[in-house]
Amino acid sequence: GQNIFLTGKAGTGKTTFLKTLKEKSPKRMIVVAPTGVAAINAGGVTIHSFFQLSFGPQVGLENASAQQNRYNKEKINIIRSLDLLVIDEISMVRADLLDAIDRVMRRFKNRNKPFGGAQVLMIGDLQQLSPVVKNEEWNLLKREYDTVYFFSSKALRETSYVSIELIHVFRQQDEHFINLLNKVRDNQLDEQVL
């Protein structure tokens, strides 16, 4: 039941872990991701399509009547029965989007618990892709959020979660090459690395 942020460099096994979890876990789960490519790679669906959210900033929509009638019975039953919500590529998810997910989950599961009481597994690497936010969107969001990153989400701040970092790189075997990749990842490029 503990919420988890699973992180690690590229090649440390985050996707392999997710695929194994999907195969072996008895929990009723849904896997979502912020983009179509990420969703395909994770074997899931996009956040926007599953939760039927617009692409604009998700602020000031708490009582929007347009949101009230958008979910069919099948979708509602899936949300109500969820034990585990997996969000892949969490580094790309904006805080307002995570709060919008929380609103939908609370609406159909438990109003009094973050994410409706479902366990949340967030998978991603904060040193890879960051959320996309236009200047005019940030002008709206900065009134409610310290940053655009998922960890500024109001719902996430109401929960406790553990962070687990995978550290062993499995995808590459060449230590010299791994060290070069890590220097690129840590923005420590110099002539020798290039």
Protein backbone atom coordinates (compact mmCIF):
# COMPACT_ATOMS: atom_id res chain seq x y z
CA GLY A 1 0.00 0.00 0.00
CA GLN A 2 3.01 2.31 0.17
CA ASN A 3 3.37 4.87 -2.62
CA ILE A 4 6.72 4.58 -4.41
CA PHE A 5 8.92 6.74 -6.61
CA LEU A 6 11.17 4.32 -8.51
CA THR A 7 14.08 6.02 -10.21
CA GLY A 8 17.43 5.19 -11.76
CA LYS A 9 19.63 5.96 -14.71
CA ALA A 10 18.85 4.65 -18.18
CA GLY A 11 19.52 0.93 -18.38
CA THR A 12 19.08 0.19 -14.66
CA GLY A 13 15.94 -1.89 -15.18
CA LYS A 14 12.97 0.38 -14.53
CA THR A 15 11.06 -0.86 -17.58
CA THR A 16 12.05 -4.47 -16.92
CA PHE A 17 10.76 -4.09 -13.35
CA LEU A 18 7.47 -2.69 -14.65
CA LYS A 19 7.01 -5.52 -17.15
CA THR A 20 7.71 -8.11 -14.45
CA LEU A 21 5.31 -6.35 -12.06
CA LYS A 22 2.56 -6.46 -14.68
CA GLU A 23 3.14 -10.18 -15.25
CA LYS A 24 3.34 -11.26 -11.61
CA SER A 25 1.38 -8.84 -9.43
CA PRO A 26 -2.09 -9.93 -8.31
CA LYS A 27 -3.08 -6.27 -7.92
CA ARG A 28 -5.59 -4.68 -10.26
CA MET A 29 -3.51 -2.02 -11.97
CA ILE A 30 -3.48 0.44 -14.80
CA VAL A 31 -0.28 1.77 -16.39
CA VAL A 32 -0.34 5.32 -17.72
CA ALA A 33 2.31 7.61 -19.16
CA PRO A 34 2.41 11.25 -20.31
CA THR A 35 3.05 10.60 -24.02
CA GLY A 36 1.96 8.04 -26.57
CA VAL A 37 5.48 6.70 -27.10
CA ALA A 38 6.04 6.34 -23.34
CA ALA A 39 2.66 4.62 -22.98
CA ILE A 40 3.48 2.14 -25.76
CA ASN A 41 6.88 1.40 -24.22
CA ALA A 42 5.26 0.82 -20.82
CA GLY A 43 2.44 -1.29 -22.22
CA GLY A 44 -0.15 1.21 -21.04
CA VAL A 45 -2.20 4.17 -22.18
CA THR A 46 -1.72 7.91 -22.02
CA ILE A 47 -2.74 9.81 -18.90
CA HIS A 48 -4.93 12.15 -20.93
CA SER A 49 -6.83 9.37 -22.69
CA PHE A 50 -7.40 7.20 -19.61
CA PHE A 51 -8.45 10.03 -17.29
CA GLN A 52 -10.07 11.98 -20.18
CA LEU A 53 -8.24 15.21 -19.38
CA SER A 54 -7.63 18.20 -21.61
CA PHE A 55 -4.10 19.15 -22.62
CA GLY A 56 -4.20 22.61 -21.06
CA PRO A 57 -3.40 23.57 -17.47
CA GLN A 58 -5.48 21.62 -14.97
CA VAL A 59 -6.17 24.50 -12.59
CA GLY A 60 -9.54 25.99 -11.71
CA LEU A 61 -11.34 22.88 -13.03
CA GLU A 62 -12.34 21.35 -9.69
CA ASN A 63 -16.03 22.08 -10.19
CA ALA A 64 -16.20 22.15 -13.98
CA SER A 65 -19.51 20.66 -15.10
CA ALA A 66 -17.93 19.41 -18.35
CA GLN A 67 -15.83 17.01 -16.29
CA GLN A 68 -18.87 15.56 -14.51
CA ASN A 69 -20.38 13.44 -17.30
CA ARG A 70 -17.41 12.22 -19.29
CA TYR A 71 -16.84 8.74 -17.88
CA ASN A 72 -18.68 5.64 -19.04
CA LYS A 73 -19.58 2.81 -16.65
CA GLU A 74 -16.68 0.63 -17.77
CA LYS A 75 -14.12 3.38 -17.04
CA ILE A 76 -15.74 4.12 -13.68
CA ASN A 77 -15.61 0.44 -12.72
CA ILE A 78 -11.96 0.21 -13.71
CA ILE A 79 -11.09 3.24 -11.59
CA ARG A 80 -13.15 1.99 -8.62
CA SER A 81 -11.48 -1.40 -8.68
CA LEU A 82 -7.89 -0.14 -9.02
CA ASP A 83 -5.40 -1.25 -6.40
CA LEU A 84 -2.34 0.22 -8.10
CA LEU A 85 -1.87 3.19 -10.41
CA VAL A 86 1.46 3.06 -12.26
CA ILE A 87 2.68 6.29 -13.84
CA ASP A 88 5.71 5.76 -16.09
CA GLU A 89 8.00 8.62 -17.16
CA ILE A 90 6.82 10.60 -14.12
CA SER A 91 9.56 13.19 -14.74
CA MET A 92 7.44 14.51 -17.64
CA VAL A 93 4.23 14.79 -15.59
CA ARG A 94 3.34 18.29 -14.45
CA ALA A 95 2.11 18.91 -10.89
CA ASP A 96 -1.31 20.08 -12.10
CA LEU A 97 -1.77 16.92 -14.16
CA LEU A 98 -1.00 14.72 -11.15
CA ASP A 99 -3.56 16.71 -9.15
CA ALA A 100 -6.12 16.22 -11.93
CA ILE A 101 -5.52 12.46 -11.72
CA ASP A 102 -6.06 12.71 -7.96
CA ARG A 103 -9.40 14.51 -8.48
CA VAL A 104 -10.69 11.77 -10.80
CA MET A 105 -9.51 9.00 -8.48
CA ARG A 106 -11.11 10.65 -5.44
CA ARG A 107 -14.34 11.14 -7.34
CA PHE A 108 -14.77 7.44 -8.07
CA LYS A 109 -12.95 5.72 -5.18
CA ASN A 110 -12.48 7.44 -1.83
CA ARG A 111 -13.00 11.20 -1.64
CA ASN A 112 -11.03 11.50 1.57
CA LYS A 113 -7.78 9.86 0.46
CA PRO A 114 -5.16 11.04 -2.02
CA PHE A 115 -5.57 9.20 -5.33
CA GLY A 116 -8.77 7.70 -3.95
CA GLY A 117 -6.77 5.43 -1.68
CA ALA A 118 -5.09 3.57 -4.54
CA GLN A 119 -1.37 2.84 -4.29
CA VAL A 120 0.70 4.90 -6.73
CA LEU A 121 3.95 3.73 -8.32
CA MET A 122 5.75 6.57 -10.09
CA ILE A 123 8.61 5.48 -12.35
CA GLY A 124 11.10 7.82 -13.96
CA ASP A 125 14.37 9.69 -13.95
CA LEU A 126 14.34 13.38 -13.07
CA GLN A 127 17.57 13.85 -14.99
CA GLN A 128 15.94 12.84 -18.24
CA LEU A 129 12.90 14.57 -19.78
CA SER A 130 11.20 17.35 -17.83
CA PRO A 131 7.59 18.55 -18.08
CA VAL A 132 6.65 20.73 -21.03
CA VAL A 133 5.20 24.07 -19.98
CA LYS A 134 4.68 27.19 -22.07
CA ASN A 135 5.28 30.62 -20.53
CA GLU A 136 1.58 31.48 -20.48
CA GLU A 137 0.80 28.12 -18.82
CA TRP A 138 3.46 28.71 -16.17
CA ASN A 139 1.93 32.14 -15.49
CA LEU A 140 -1.27 30.29 -14.49
CA LEU A 141 0.42 27.41 -12.68
CA LYS A 142 2.89 29.41 -10.59
CA ARG A 143 -0.02 30.83 -8.58
CA GLU A 144 -0.60 27.36 -7.15
CA TYR A 145 2.68 25.45 -7.56
CA ASP A 146 6.30 25.99 -6.56
CA THR A 147 7.52 24.10 -9.64
CA VAL A 148 5.95 22.33 -12.61
CA TYR A 149 7.43 18.99 -11.51
CA PHE A 150 5.21 16.18 -10.21
CA PHE A 151 6.65 16.44 -6.70
CA SER A 152 5.01 19.87 -6.31
CA SER A 153 1.58 18.24 -6.64
CA LYS A 154 -0.80 19.04 -3.78
CA ALA A 155 -2.09 15.46 -3.72
CA LEU A 156 1.41 13.99 -3.54
CA ARG A 157 2.24 16.28 -0.64
CA GLU A 158 -0.69 14.73 1.24
CA THR A 159 0.83 11.27 0.93
CA SER A 160 3.96 9.62 2.10
CA TYR A 161 6.06 7.85 -0.48
CA VAL A 162 9.38 6.11 -0.53
CA SER A 163 12.03 6.71 -3.16
CA ILE A 164 13.92 3.73 -4.50
CA GLU A 165 16.88 4.25 -6.82
CA LEU A 166 18.12 1.44 -9.06
CA ILE A 167 21.87 1.93 -9.43
CA HIS A 168 23.31 -0.98 -11.44
CA VAL A 169 23.33 -0.40 -15.22
CA PHE A 170 22.38 -3.63 -17.01
CA ARG A 171 21.88 -2.33 -20.54
CA GLN A 172 25.57 -1.58 -21.11
CA GLN A 173 28.54 -3.73 -20.10
CA ASP A 174 31.39 -1.41 -21.08
CA GLU A 175 32.32 0.53 -17.89
CA HIS A 176 34.13 3.24 -19.87
CA PHE A 177 31.04 3.82 -22.02
CA ILE A 178 28.77 3.84 -18.92
CA ASN A 179 31.02 6.50 -17.36
CA LEU A 180 30.78 8.61 -20.53
CA LEU A 181 26.97 8.29 -20.53
CA ASN A 182 26.86 9.31 -16.86
CA LYS A 183 28.93 12.42 -17.58
CA VAL A 184 26.46 13.40 -20.30
CA ARG A 185 23.56 12.69 -17.91
CA ASP A 186 25.17 14.84 -15.18
CA ASN A 187 25.93 17.67 -17.64
CA GLN A 188 29.70 17.27 -17.19
CA LEU A 189 30.68 17.39 -20.85
CA ASP A 190 34.24 18.34 -21.71
CA GLU A 191 36.52 17.78 -24.70
CA GLN A 192 37.67 14.39 -23.40
CA VAL A 193 34.09 13.13 -22.98
CA LEU A 194 33.13 14.39 -26.43
